[in-house]
Amino acid sequence: MESHEVEERTKAKHVYRCADCGLVFECDDHAEKCPNCRCRVLIHEKGEARRSGGKCCSGSCAGCGGCSH
């Protein structure tokens, strides 16, 4: 098994819930919109937090792409 295969297996997945239709879905990277209804309001439920500048903008996770603290 090559090292990139191991890295892919251990890489954390991201789990999102759509605020509009309620779909819970998983993806390898940060999602921009729901694959079902294309809504852009997503609740990040699991996975590495998305950070801009190293910390959350103002405590409002909707303002910085849905990171979880």
Protein backbone atom coordinates (compact mmCIF):
# COMPACT_ATOMS: atom_id res chain seq x y z
CA MET A 1 0.00 0.00 0.00
CA GLU A 2 1.41 3.36 -0.99
CA SER A 3 1.63 6.31 1.39
CA HIS A 4 -0.97 8.41 -0.49
CA GLU A 5 -3.49 5.55 -0.14
CA VAL A 6 -2.97 5.51 3.64
CA GLU A 7 -3.32 9.29 3.75
CA GLU A 8 -6.63 9.16 1.86
CA ARG A 9 -8.01 6.55 4.27
CA THR A 10 -7.03 8.50 7.37
CA LYS A 11 -8.12 11.89 6.01
CA ALA A 12 -11.10 13.16 7.95
CA LYS A 13 -14.37 13.46 6.07
CA HIS A 14 -16.67 16.43 6.48
CA VAL A 15 -20.31 15.96 7.38
CA TYR A 16 -22.81 18.71 6.61
CA ARG A 17 -26.54 19.18 7.15
CA CYS A 18 -28.48 21.39 4.77
CA ALA A 19 -30.48 24.11 6.54
CA ASP A 20 -33.13 24.06 3.80
CA CYS A 21 -33.93 20.42 2.96
CA GLY A 22 -32.28 18.73 5.98
CA LEU A 23 -30.08 16.40 3.92
CA VAL A 24 -27.06 15.11 5.84
CA PHE A 25 -24.14 14.40 3.50
CA GLU A 26 -20.44 13.66 3.64
CA CYS A 27 -17.69 14.99 1.41
CA ASP A 28 -13.89 14.91 1.24
CA ASP A 29 -13.47 18.69 1.18
CA HIS A 30 -15.43 21.71 2.38
CA ALA A 31 -18.81 21.88 0.65
CA GLU A 32 -20.16 25.06 -0.87
CA LYS A 33 -23.77 23.97 -1.43
CA CYS A 34 -26.18 21.10 -0.88
CA PRO A 35 -26.01 18.42 -3.60
CA ASN A 36 -29.79 17.92 -3.34
CA CYS A 37 -31.34 21.40 -3.38
CA ARG A 38 -28.22 23.57 -4.06
CA CYS A 39 -28.82 25.64 -0.90
CA ARG A 40 -25.69 27.43 0.31
CA VAL A 41 -26.63 27.39 4.03
CA LEU A 42 -24.86 24.33 5.44
CA ILE A 43 -24.29 23.29 9.04
CA HIS A 44 -20.86 21.73 9.51
CA GLU A 45 -21.39 18.78 11.84
CA LYS A 46 -18.14 16.82 11.65
CA GLY A 47 -14.61 17.19 10.32
CA GLU A 48 -11.74 19.63 10.55
CA ALA A 49 -12.87 23.21 11.06
CA ARG A 50 -12.50 25.68 8.22
CA ARG A 51 -10.39 28.56 9.42
CA SER A 52 -9.64 31.90 7.83
CA GLY A 53 -6.69 33.70 9.36
CA GLY A 54 -6.34 31.11 12.11
CA LYS A 55 -9.44 31.95 14.14
CA CYS A 56 -13.15 32.42 13.81
CA CYS A 57 -14.21 35.86 12.61
CA SER A 58 -16.64 36.87 15.37
CA GLY A 59 -18.05 33.75 16.97
CA SER A 60 -20.72 33.55 14.27
CA CYS A 61 -19.79 30.43 12.35
CA ALA A 62 -22.09 31.31 9.48
CA GLY A 63 -19.83 34.29 8.79
CA CYS A 64 -16.70 32.20 8.22
CA GLY A 65 -17.92 29.27 6.20
CA GLY A 66 -19.37 27.08 8.92
CA CYS A 67 -16.42 26.21 11.13
CA SER A 68 -17.07 24.47 14.41
CA HIS A 69 -15.25 25.53 17.56
